[in-house]
PDB file of N, CA and C in Angstrom:
ATOM      1  N   MET A   1     -14.580 -28.320  -4.688  1.00  0.00           N
ATOM      2  CA  MET A   1     -14.194 -27.344  -3.666  1.00  0.00           C
ATOM      3  C   MET A   1     -13.714 -26.099  -4.516  1.00  0.00           C
ATOM      4  N   ASP A   2     -14.279 -25.054  -4.156  1.00  0.00           N
ATOM      5  CA  ASP A   2     -13.976 -23.541  -4.859  1.00  0.00           C
ATOM      6  C   ASP A   2     -12.765 -22.880  -4.134  1.00  0.00           C
ATOM      7  N   ASN A   3     -11.518 -23.051  -4.807  1.00  0.00           N
ATOM      8  CA  ASN A   3     -10.473 -22.419  -4.306  1.00  0.00           C
ATOM      9  C   ASN A   3     -10.166 -20.973  -4.709  1.00  0.00           C
ATOM     10  N   THR A   4     -11.166 -20.151  -5.102  1.00  0.00           N
ATOM     11  CA  THR A   4     -11.341 -18.917  -5.496  1.00  0.00           C
ATOM     12  C   THR A   4     -10.931 -18.022  -4.179  1.00  0.00           C
ATOM     13  N   ILE A   5      -9.880 -17.192  -4.173  1.00  0.00           N
ATOM     14  CA  ILE A   5      -9.380 -16.190  -3.196  1.00  0.00           C
ATOM     15  C   ILE A   5      -9.973 -14.963  -3.557  1.00  0.00           C
ATOM     16  N   VAL A   6     -10.853 -14.579  -2.522  1.00  0.00           N
ATOM     17  CA  VAL A   6     -11.722 -13.183  -2.439  1.00  0.00           C
ATOM     18  C   VAL A   6     -10.774 -12.219  -2.005  1.00  0.00           C
ATOM     19  N   VAL A   7     -10.368 -11.174  -2.753  1.00  0.00           N
ATOM     20  CA  VAL A   7      -9.732 -10.018  -1.944  1.00  0.00           C
ATOM     21  C   VAL A   7     -10.351  -8.878  -2.297  1.00  0.00           C
ATOM     22  N   PHE A   8     -10.559  -8.192  -1.061  1.00  0.00           N
ATOM     23  CA  PHE A   8     -11.397  -6.915  -0.875  1.00  0.00           C
ATOM     24  C   PHE A   8     -10.317  -5.827  -1.218  1.00  0.00           C
ATOM     25  N   LYS A   9     -10.219  -4.931  -2.113  1.00  0.00           N
ATOM     26  CA  LYS A   9      -9.394  -3.852  -2.107  1.00  0.00           C
ATOM     27  C   LYS A   9     -10.050  -2.377  -1.889  1.00  0.00           C
ATOM     28  N   PRO A  10      -8.929  -1.548  -1.121  1.00  0.00           N
ATOM     29  CA  PRO A  10      -9.670  -0.346  -0.621  1.00  0.00           C
ATOM     30  C   PRO A  10      -9.774   0.414  -1.932  1.00  0.00           C
ATOM     31  N   VAL A  11     -10.729   1.345  -2.035  1.00  0.00           N
ATOM     32  CA  VAL A  11     -11.145   2.202  -3.323  1.00  0.00           C
ATOM     33  C   VAL A  11     -11.160   3.719  -2.879  1.00  0.00           C
ATOM     34  N   GLU A  12     -11.111   3.871  -1.684  1.00  0.00           N
ATOM     35  CA  GLU A  12     -11.128   5.286  -1.203  1.00  0.00           C
ATOM     36  C   GLU A  12     -10.723   5.397   0.243  1.00  0.00           C
ATOM     37  N   VAL A  13      -9.803   6.457   0.531  1.00  0.00           N
ATOM     38  CA  VAL A  13      -9.363   6.744   1.896  1.00  0.00           C
ATOM     39  C   VAL A  13      -9.313   8.013   2.364  1.00  0.00           C
ATOM     40  N   LEU A  14      -9.971   8.449   3.262  1.00  0.00           N
ATOM     41  CA  LEU A  14      -9.823   9.856   3.847  1.00  0.00           C
ATOM     42  C   LEU A  14      -9.359   9.915   5.224  1.00  0.00           C
ATOM     43  N   PRO A  15      -8.774  11.169   5.374  1.00  0.00           N
ATOM     44  CA  PRO A  15      -8.261  11.427   6.913  1.00  0.00           C
ATOM     45  C   PRO A  15      -9.420  11.919   7.821  1.00  0.00           C
ATOM     46  N   ARG A  16      -9.333  11.528   8.851  1.00  0.00           N
ATOM     47  CA  ARG A  16     -10.265  12.144   9.918  1.00  0.00           C
ATOM     48  C   ARG A  16      -9.474  12.610  11.234  1.00  0.00           C
ATOM     49  N   ALA A  17     -10.201  13.341  12.048  1.00  0.00           N
ATOM     50  CA  ALA A  17      -9.531  13.959  13.144  1.00  0.00           C
ATOM     51  C   ALA A  17      -9.236  12.851  13.918  1.00  0.00           C
ATOM     52  N   GLY A  18      -8.184  13.019  14.934  1.00  0.00           N
ATOM     53  CA  GLY A  18      -7.786  12.147  15.973  1.00  0.00           C
ATOM     54  C   GLY A  18      -6.890  10.858  15.569  1.00  0.00           C
ATOM     55  N   PHE A  19      -6.354  11.038  14.410  1.00  0.00           N
ATOM     56  CA  PHE A  19      -5.720   9.925  13.887  1.00  0.00           C
ATOM     57  C   PHE A  19      -6.425   8.576  13.363  1.00  0.00           C
ATOM     58  N   ARG A  20      -7.555   8.991  12.524  1.00  0.00           N
ATOM     59  CA  ARG A  20      -8.805   8.246  12.402  1.00  0.00           C
ATOM     60  C   ARG A  20      -8.618   8.095  10.599  1.00  0.00           C
ATOM     61  N   VAL A  21      -8.955   7.121   9.826  1.00  0.00           N
ATOM     62  CA  VAL A  21      -9.093   7.147   8.607  1.00  0.00           C
ATOM     63  C   VAL A  21     -10.622   6.358   8.074  1.00  0.00           C
ATOM     64  N   TRP A  22     -11.051   7.146   7.083  1.00  0.00           N
ATOM     65  CA  TRP A  22     -12.496   6.629   6.752  1.00  0.00           C
ATOM     66  C   TRP A  22     -12.102   5.963   5.392  1.00  0.00           C
ATOM     67  N   LEU A  23     -12.383   4.399   5.288  1.00  0.00           N
ATOM     68  CA  LEU A  23     -12.142   3.798   4.014  1.00  0.00           C
ATOM     69  C   LEU A  23     -13.346   3.333   3.710  1.00  0.00           C
ATOM     70  N   ARG A  24     -13.424   3.023   2.393  1.00  0.00           N
ATOM     71  CA  ARG A  24     -14.405   2.226   1.415  1.00  0.00           C
ATOM     72  C   ARG A  24     -13.674   1.284   0.485  1.00  0.00           C
ATOM     73  N   TYR A  25     -14.044  -0.038   0.716  1.00  0.00           N
ATOM     74  CA  TYR A  25     -13.636  -1.210  -0.097  1.00  0.00           C
ATOM     75  C   TYR A  25     -14.585  -1.704  -1.157  1.00  0.00           C
ATOM     76  N   SER A  26     -13.692  -2.405  -2.018  1.00  0.00           N
ATOM     77  CA  SER A  26     -14.559  -2.707  -3.294  1.00  0.00           C
ATOM     78  C   SER A  26     -15.830  -3.674  -3.126  1.00  0.00           C
ATOM     79  N   ASP A  27     -15.977  -4.244  -1.879  1.00  0.00           N
ATOM     80  CA  ASP A  27     -16.952  -5.019  -1.554  1.00  0.00           C
ATOM     81  C   ASP A  27     -18.094  -4.119  -1.161  1.00  0.00           C
ATOM     82  N   GLY A  28     -17.958  -2.698  -1.198  1.00  0.00           N
ATOM     83  CA  GLY A  28     -19.109  -1.901  -0.346  1.00  0.00           C
ATOM     84  C   GLY A  28     -18.876  -1.610   1.222  1.00  0.00           C
ATOM     85  N   VAL A  29     -18.052  -2.329   1.833  1.00  0.00           N
ATOM     86  CA  VAL A  29     -17.635  -2.190   3.220  1.00  0.00           C
ATOM     87  C   VAL A  29     -17.075  -0.816   3.445  1.00  0.00           C
ATOM     88  N   GLN A  30     -17.558   0.085   4.505  1.00  0.00           N
ATOM     89  CA  GLN A  30     -16.935   1.332   4.582  1.00  0.00           C
ATOM     90  C   GLN A  30     -17.030   1.774   6.140  1.00  0.00           C
ATOM     91  N   GLY A  31     -16.122   2.604   6.671  1.00  0.00           N
ATOM     92  CA  GLY A  31     -16.195   2.994   8.034  1.00  0.00           C
ATOM     93  C   GLY A  31     -14.704   3.626   8.352  1.00  0.00           C
ATOM     94  N   GLU A  32     -14.717   3.753   9.622  1.00  0.00           N
ATOM     95  CA  GLU A  32     -13.544   4.429  10.232  1.00  0.00           C
ATOM     96  C   GLU A  32     -12.715   3.272  11.085  1.00  0.00           C
ATOM     97  N   VAL A  33     -11.519   3.600  10.995  1.00  0.00           N
ATOM     98  CA  VAL A  33     -10.562   2.806  11.809  1.00  0.00           C
ATOM     99  C   VAL A  33      -9.587   3.833  12.682  1.00  0.00           C
ATOM    100  N   ASP A  34      -9.564   3.619  13.792  1.00  0.00           N
ATOM    101  CA  ASP A  34      -8.960   4.350  14.871  1.00  0.00           C
ATOM    102  C   ASP A  34      -7.452   3.964  14.909  1.00  0.00           C
ATOM    103  N   LEU A  35      -6.502   4.657  14.351  1.00  0.00           N
ATOM    104  CA  LEU A  35      -5.155   4.438  14.459  1.00  0.00           C
ATOM    105  C   LEU A  35      -4.251   5.425  15.410  1.00  0.00           C
ATOM    106  N   SER A  36      -4.921   5.961  16.121  1.00  0.00           N
ATOM    107  CA  SER A  36      -4.296   6.906  17.427  1.00  0.00           C
ATOM    108  C   SER A  36      -3.244   6.093  18.268  1.00  0.00           C
ATOM    109  N   HIS A  37      -3.349   4.626  18.285  1.00  0.00           N
ATOM    110  CA  HIS A  37      -2.704   3.922  19.300  1.00  0.00           C
ATOM    111  C   HIS A  37      -1.396   3.972  18.668  1.00  0.00           C
ATOM    112  N   LEU A  38      -1.175   4.271  17.259  1.00  0.00           N
ATOM    113  CA  LEU A  38       0.211   4.146  16.582  1.00  0.00           C
ATOM    114  C   LEU A  38       0.861   5.496  16.446  1.00  0.00           C
ATOM    115  N   ALA A  39       0.062   6.561  16.700  1.00  0.00           N
ATOM    116  CA  ALA A  39       0.653   7.985  16.501  1.00  0.00           C
ATOM    117  C   ALA A  39       1.681   8.117  17.552  1.00  0.00           C
ATOM    118  N   GLY A  40       2.960   8.787  17.025  1.00  0.00           N
ATOM    119  CA  GLY A  40       3.778   9.080  17.967  1.00  0.00           C
ATOM    120  C   GLY A  40       4.856   7.869  18.316  1.00  0.00           C
ATOM    121  N   ARG A  41       4.513   6.820  17.642  1.00  0.00           N
ATOM    122  CA  ARG A  41       5.470   5.778  17.983  1.00  0.00           C
ATOM    123  C   ARG A  41       6.039   5.115  16.847  1.00  0.00           C
ATOM    124  N   GLY A  42       7.287   5.078  17.000  1.00  0.00           N
ATOM    125  CA  GLY A  42       8.302   4.674  15.718  1.00  0.00           C
ATOM    126  C   GLY A  42       8.237   5.527  14.659  1.00  0.00           C
ATOM    127  N   VAL A  43       7.944   4.772  13.484  1.00  0.00           N
ATOM    128  CA  VAL A  43       7.948   5.688  12.363  1.00  0.00           C
ATOM    129  C   VAL A  43       6.650   6.574  12.375  1.00  0.00           C
ATOM    130  N   PHE A  44       5.640   6.227  13.059  1.00  0.00           N
ATOM    131  CA  PHE A  44       4.433   7.008  13.160  1.00  0.00           C
ATOM    132  C   PHE A  44       4.627   8.288  13.690  1.00  0.00           C
ATOM    133  N   LYS A  45       5.822   8.597  14.350  1.00  0.00           N
ATOM    134  CA  LYS A  45       6.038  10.004  14.785  1.00  0.00           C
ATOM    135  C   LYS A  45       5.929  10.875  13.912  1.00  0.00           C
ATOM    136  N   ALA A  46       6.097  10.574  12.604  1.00  0.00           N
ATOM    137  CA  ALA A  46       5.848  11.501  11.433  1.00  0.00           C
ATOM    138  C   ALA A  46       4.507  12.103  11.092  1.00  0.00           C
ATOM    139  N   TRP A  47       3.440  11.414  11.734  1.00  0.00           N
ATOM    140  CA  TRP A  47       2.385  11.921  11.643  1.00  0.00           C
ATOM    141  C   TRP A  47       1.916  13.278  12.545  1.00  0.00           C
ATOM    142  N   HIS A  48       2.876  13.363  13.474  1.00  0.00           N
ATOM    143  CA  HIS A  48       2.654  14.732  14.124  1.00  0.00           C
ATOM    144  C   HIS A  48       3.380  15.920  13.242  1.00  0.00           C
ATOM    145  N   SER A  49       3.862  15.887  12.202  1.00  0.00           N
ATOM    146  CA  SER A  49       4.173  16.928  11.501  1.00  0.00           C
ATOM    147  C   SER A  49       3.125  17.573  10.733  1.00  0.00           C
ATOM    148  N   PRO A  50       2.944  18.919  10.678  1.00  0.00           N
ATOM    149  CA  PRO A  50       1.715  19.538  10.215  1.00  0.00           C
ATOM    150  C   PRO A  50       1.443  18.781   8.671  1.00  0.00           C
ATOM    151  N   GLY A  51       0.276  18.505   8.639  1.00  0.00           N
ATOM    152  CA  GLY A  51      -0.138  18.066   7.448  1.00  0.00           C
ATOM    153  C   GLY A  51       0.115  16.576   7.161  1.00  0.00           C
ATOM    154  N   ALA A  52       1.053  15.801   7.692  1.00  0.00           N
ATOM    155  CA  ALA A  52       1.348  14.584   7.436  1.00  0.00           C
ATOM    156  C   ALA A  52       0.338  13.488   7.550  1.00  0.00           C
ATOM    157  N   PHE A  53      -0.470  13.241   8.480  1.00  0.00           N
ATOM    158  CA  PHE A  53      -1.499  12.373   8.641  1.00  0.00           C
ATOM    159  C   PHE A  53      -2.428  12.706   7.566  1.00  0.00           C
ATOM    160  N   GLU A  54      -2.767  14.024   7.231  1.00  0.00           N
ATOM    161  CA  GLU A  54      -3.700  14.374   6.330  1.00  0.00           C
ATOM    162  C   GLU A  54      -3.373  13.977   4.604  1.00  0.00           C
ATOM    163  N   ASN A  55      -2.291  13.679   4.478  1.00  0.00           N
ATOM    164  CA  ASN A  55      -1.429  13.133   3.330  1.00  0.00           C
ATOM    165  C   ASN A  55      -1.767  11.734   2.877  1.00  0.00           C
ATOM    166  N   VAL A  56      -2.603  11.159   3.667  1.00  0.00           N
ATOM    167  CA  VAL A  56      -3.170   9.760   3.324  1.00  0.00           C
ATOM    168  C   VAL A  56      -3.423   9.601   2.001  1.00  0.00           C
ATOM    169  N   HIS A  57      -3.367   8.386   1.405  1.00  0.00           N
ATOM    170  CA  HIS A  57      -3.624   7.977   0.102  1.00  0.00           C
ATOM    171  C   HIS A  57      -3.463   6.413  -0.281  1.00  0.00           C
ATOM    172  N   LEU A  58      -3.958   6.026  -1.397  1.00  0.00           N
ATOM    173  CA  LEU A  58      -3.717   4.712  -1.749  1.00  0.00           C
ATOM    174  C   LEU A  58      -2.753   4.433  -2.623  1.00  0.00           C
ATOM    175  N   ALA A  59      -1.726   3.629  -2.191  1.00  0.00           N
ATOM    176  CA  ALA A  59      -0.584   3.294  -3.029  1.00  0.00           C
ATOM    177  C   ALA A  59      -0.971   2.391  -4.224  1.00  0.00           C
ATOM    178  N   GLU A  60       0.014   2.249  -5.230  1.00  0.00           N
ATOM    179  CA  GLU A  60      -0.388   1.475  -6.246  1.00  0.00           C
ATOM    180  C   GLU A  60      -0.385   0.079  -5.889  1.00  0.00           C
ATOM    181  N   ASP A  61      -0.001  -0.543  -4.747  1.00  0.00           N
ATOM    182  CA  ASP A  61       0.016  -1.653  -4.224  1.00  0.00           C
ATOM    183  C   ASP A  61      -1.177  -1.775  -3.549  1.00  0.00           C
ATOM    184  N   GLY A  62      -1.876  -1.228  -3.513  1.00  0.00           N
ATOM    185  CA  GLY A  62      -3.343  -1.156  -2.421  1.00  0.00           C
ATOM    186  C   GLY A  62      -3.140  -0.837  -0.898  1.00  0.00           C
ATOM    187  N   SER A  63      -1.848  -0.289  -0.692  1.00  0.00           N
ATOM    188  CA  SER A  63      -1.696  -0.078   0.788  1.00  0.00           C
ATOM    189  C   SER A  63      -2.138   1.167   0.981  1.00  0.00           C
ATOM    190  N   VAL A  64      -2.531   1.404   2.165  1.00  0.00           N
ATOM    191  CA  VAL A  64      -3.004   2.867   2.695  1.00  0.00           C
ATOM    192  C   VAL A  64      -1.647   3.634   3.024  1.00  0.00           C
ATOM    193  N   SER A  65      -1.218   4.460   2.257  1.00  0.00           N
ATOM    194  CA  SER A  65       0.113   5.077   2.647  1.00  0.00           C
ATOM    195  C   SER A  65      -0.002   6.692   2.857  1.00  0.00           C
ATOM    196  N   TRP A  66       0.986   6.943   3.538  1.00  0.00           N
ATOM    197  CA  TRP A  66       1.278   8.359   3.874  1.00  0.00           C
ATOM    198  C   TRP A  66       2.674   8.834   3.031  1.00  0.00           C
ATOM    199  N   GLY A  67       3.275   7.956   2.211  1.00  0.00           N
ATOM    200  CA  GLY A  67       4.456   8.174   1.434  1.00  0.00           C
ATOM    201  C   GLY A  67       5.727   7.651   2.157  1.00  0.00           C
ATOM    202  N   SER A  68       6.859   7.737   1.580  1.00  0.00           N
ATOM    203  CA  SER A  68       8.141   7.629   2.106  1.00  0.00           C
ATOM    204  C   SER A  68       8.273   6.362   2.764  1.00  0.00           C
ATOM    205  N   GLY A  69       7.373   5.203   2.017  1.00  0.00           N
ATOM    206  CA  GLY A  69       7.580   3.976   2.928  1.00  0.00           C
ATOM    207  C   GLY A  69       6.767   3.934   4.108  1.00  0.00           C
ATOM    208  N   LEU A  70       5.920   4.872   4.328  1.00  0.00           N
ATOM    209  CA  LEU A  70       4.919   4.719   5.752  1.00  0.00           C
ATOM    210  C   LEU A  70       3.744   4.108   5.307  1.00  0.00           C
ATOM    211  N   ASP A  71       3.387   3.022   5.441  1.00  0.00           N
ATOM    212  CA  ASP A  71       2.058   2.397   4.965  1.00  0.00           C
ATOM    213  C   ASP A  71       1.595   1.462   5.650  1.00  0.00           C
ATOM    214  N   LEU A  72       0.315   1.113   5.595  1.00  0.00           N
ATOM    215  CA  LEU A  72      -0.454   0.044   6.484  1.00  0.00           C
ATOM    216  C   LEU A  72      -1.077  -0.976   5.661  1.00  0.00           C
ATOM    217  N   CYS A  73      -0.961  -2.183   5.904  1.00  0.00           N
ATOM    218  CA  CYS A  73      -1.597  -3.200   5.007  1.00  0.00           C
ATOM    219  C   CYS A  73      -3.152  -2.989   4.979  1.00  0.00           C
ATOM    220  N   ALA A  74      -3.650  -3.047   3.912  1.00  0.00           N
ATOM    221  CA  ALA A  74      -5.071  -2.782   3.576  1.00  0.00           C
ATOM    222  C   ALA A  74      -6.037  -3.817   3.951  1.00  0.00           C
ATOM    223  N   ASP A  75      -5.311  -5.162   3.989  1.00  0.00           N
ATOM    224  CA  ASP A  75      -5.955  -6.396   4.646  1.00  0.00           C
ATOM    225  C   ASP A  75      -6.417  -6.182   6.144  1.00  0.00           C
ATOM    226  N   SER A  76      -5.223  -5.934   6.832  1.00  0.00           N
ATOM    227  CA  SER A  76      -5.289  -5.872   8.231  1.00  0.00           C
ATOM    228  C   SER A  76      -6.512  -4.440   8.521  1.00  0.00           C
ATOM    229  N   LEU A  77      -6.394  -3.488   7.896  1.00  0.00           N
ATOM    230  CA  LEU A  77      -7.504  -2.557   8.123  1.00  0.00           C
ATOM    231  C   LEU A  77      -8.944  -2.852   7.923  1.00  0.00           C
ATOM    232  N   TYR A  78      -9.062  -3.786   6.947  1.00  0.00           N
ATOM    233  CA  TYR A  78     -10.014  -4.279   6.541  1.00  0.00           C
ATOM    234  C   TYR A  78     -10.681  -5.399   7.811  1.00  0.00           C
ATOM    235  N   LEU A  79      -9.972  -6.269   8.319  1.00  0.00           N
ATOM    236  CA  LEU A  79      -9.950  -6.917   9.422  1.00  0.00           C
ATOM    237  C   LEU A  79     -10.669  -6.130  10.672  1.00  0.00           C
ATOM    238  N   GLN A  80      -9.842  -5.067  10.801  1.00  0.00           N
ATOM    239  CA  GLN A  80     -10.284  -4.212  12.022  1.00  0.00           C
ATOM    240  C   GLN A  80     -11.605  -3.465  11.691  1.00  0.00           C
ATOM    241  N   LEU A  81     -11.775  -3.258  10.537  1.00  0.00           N
ATOM    242  CA  LEU A  81     -13.061  -2.387  10.139  1.00  0.00           C
ATOM    243  C   LEU A  81     -14.318  -3.335  10.430  1.00  0.00           C
ATOM    244  N   THR A  82     -14.088  -4.747   9.737  1.00  0.00           N
ATOM    245  CA  THR A  82     -15.162  -5.531   9.896  1.00  0.00           C
ATOM    246  C   THR A  82     -15.346  -6.439  11.223  1.00  0.00           C
ATOM    247  N   GLY A  83     -14.368  -6.713  11.932  1.00  0.00           N
ATOM    248  CA  GLY A  83     -14.159  -7.645  13.085  1.00  0.00           C
ATOM    249  C   GLY A  83     -14.131  -8.676  12.483  1.00  0.00           C
ATOM    250  N   LYS A  84     -13.880  -9.035  11.396  1.00  0.00           N
ATOM    251  CA  LYS A  84     -13.531 -10.727  10.941  1.00  0.00           C
ATOM    252  C   LYS A  84     -12.177 -10.997  11.308  1.00  0.00           C
ATOM    253  N   SER A  85     -12.301 -12.429  11.184  1.00  0.00           N
ATOM    254  CA  SER A  85     -11.037 -13.093  11.360  1.00  0.00           C
ATOM    255  C   SER A  85     -10.287 -13.213  10.047  1.00  0.00           C
ATOM    256  N   PRO A  86      -9.084 -13.481  10.062  1.00  0.00           N
ATOM    257  CA  PRO A  86      -8.275 -13.937   8.600  1.00  0.00           C
ATOM    258  C   PRO A  86      -9.098 -15.030   7.894  1.00  0.00           C
ATOM    259  N   GLU A  87      -9.496 -15.984   8.696  1.00  0.00           N
ATOM    260  CA  GLU A  87     -10.260 -17.240   8.331  1.00  0.00           C
ATOM    261  C   GLU A  87     -11.489 -16.807   7.545  1.00  0.00           C
ATOM    262  N   ASP A  88     -12.114 -15.960   8.107  1.00  0.00           N
ATOM    263  CA  ASP A  88     -13.350 -15.518   7.562  1.00  0.00           C
ATOM    264  C   ASP A  88     -13.183 -14.971   6.164  1.00  0.00           C
ATOM    265  N   VAL A  89     -12.083 -14.070   5.932  1.00  0.00           N
ATOM    266  CA  VAL A  89     -11.811 -13.300   4.773  1.00  0.00           C
ATOM    267  C   VAL A  89     -11.186 -14.175   3.781  1.00  0.00           C
ATOM    268  N   PHE A  90     -10.132 -15.030   4.333  1.00  0.00           N
ATOM    269  CA  PHE A  90      -9.567 -15.954   3.407  1.00  0.00           C
ATOM    270  C   PHE A  90      -9.504 -17.145   3.710  1.00  0.00           C
ATOM    271  N   PRO A  91     -10.853 -17.731   2.983  1.00  0.00           N
ATOM    272  CA  PRO A  91     -11.238 -19.307   3.490  1.00  0.00           C
ATOM    273  C   PRO A  91     -10.143 -20.218   3.074  1.00  0.00           C
ATOM    274  N   ASN A  92      -9.129 -19.982   2.268  1.00  0.00           N
ATOM    275  CA  ASN A  92      -8.341 -21.124   1.842  1.00  0.00           C
ATOM    276  C   ASN A  92      -6.872 -20.825   2.754  1.00  0.00           C
ATOM    277  N   LEU A  93      -6.784 -19.669   3.734  1.00  0.00           N
ATOM    278  CA  LEU A  93      -5.997 -19.694   4.419  1.00  0.00           C
ATOM    279  C   LEU A  93      -5.479 -20.917   5.277  1.00  0.00           C
ATOM    280  N   LYS A  94      -4.368 -21.470   5.009  1.00  0.00           N
ATOM    281  CA  LYS A  94      -3.900 -22.557   5.985  1.00  0.00           C
ATOM    282  C   LYS A  94      -3.235 -22.367   7.258  1.00  0.00           C
ATOM    283  N   THR A  95      -3.686 -23.108   8.095  1.00  0.00           N
ATOM    284  CA  THR A  95      -2.952 -22.914   9.464  1.00  0.00           C
ATOM    285  C   THR A  95      -1.990 -24.006   9.725  1.00  0.00           C
ATOM    286  N   SER A  96      -0.660 -24.012  10.453  1.00  0.00           N
ATOM    287  CA  SER A  96       0.018 -25.228  10.551  1.00  0.00           C
ATOM    288  C   SER A  96       0.070 -25.243  12.269  1.00  0.00           C
ATOM    289  N   GLU A  97       0.153 -26.328  12.731  1.00  0.00           N
ATOM    290  CA  GLU A  97       0.594 -26.545  14.215  1.00  0.00           C
ATOM    291  C   GLU A  97       2.099 -26.284  14.556  1.00  0.00           C
ATOM    292  N   VAL A  98       2.197 -25.665  15.303  1.00  0.00           N
ATOM    293  CA  VAL A  98       3.585 -25.439  15.797  1.00  0.00           C
ATOM    294  C   VAL A  98       3.746 -26.255  16.991  1.00  0.00           C
ATOM    295  N   ASP A  99       4.816 -27.087  17.169  1.00  0.00           N
ATOM    296  CA  ASP A  99       4.900 -27.966  18.436  1.00  0.00           C
ATOM    297  C   ASP A  99       6.423 -27.519  18.854  1.00  0.00           C
ATOM    298  N   ALA A 100       6.178 -26.728  19.936  1.00  0.00           N
ATOM    299  CA  ALA A 100       7.500 -26.057  20.372  1.00  0.00           C
ATOM    300  C   ALA A 100       7.750 -26.612  21.644  1.00  0.00           C
TER     301      ALA A 100
END
């Protein structure tokens, strides 16, 4: 059984109009993710400051960032972009049953 974990890293991010970002990942997957549902909510109110959303970049840890601790998980964005499930991307992901 192969226990290799494949992790796709973002290699490029660009801001788009309407609080969307264009992303390209190391496996060649690319496209836009709509983040407009976050704009104006909680810490994402910062995006309404002139030029703030356009300041998007890739942080050293691989997250999609706007600085000052405002960032999004690149894995989550990959799942949104591809429509894949976590189990599709991370085949060794173990789920545990919860008996509530």
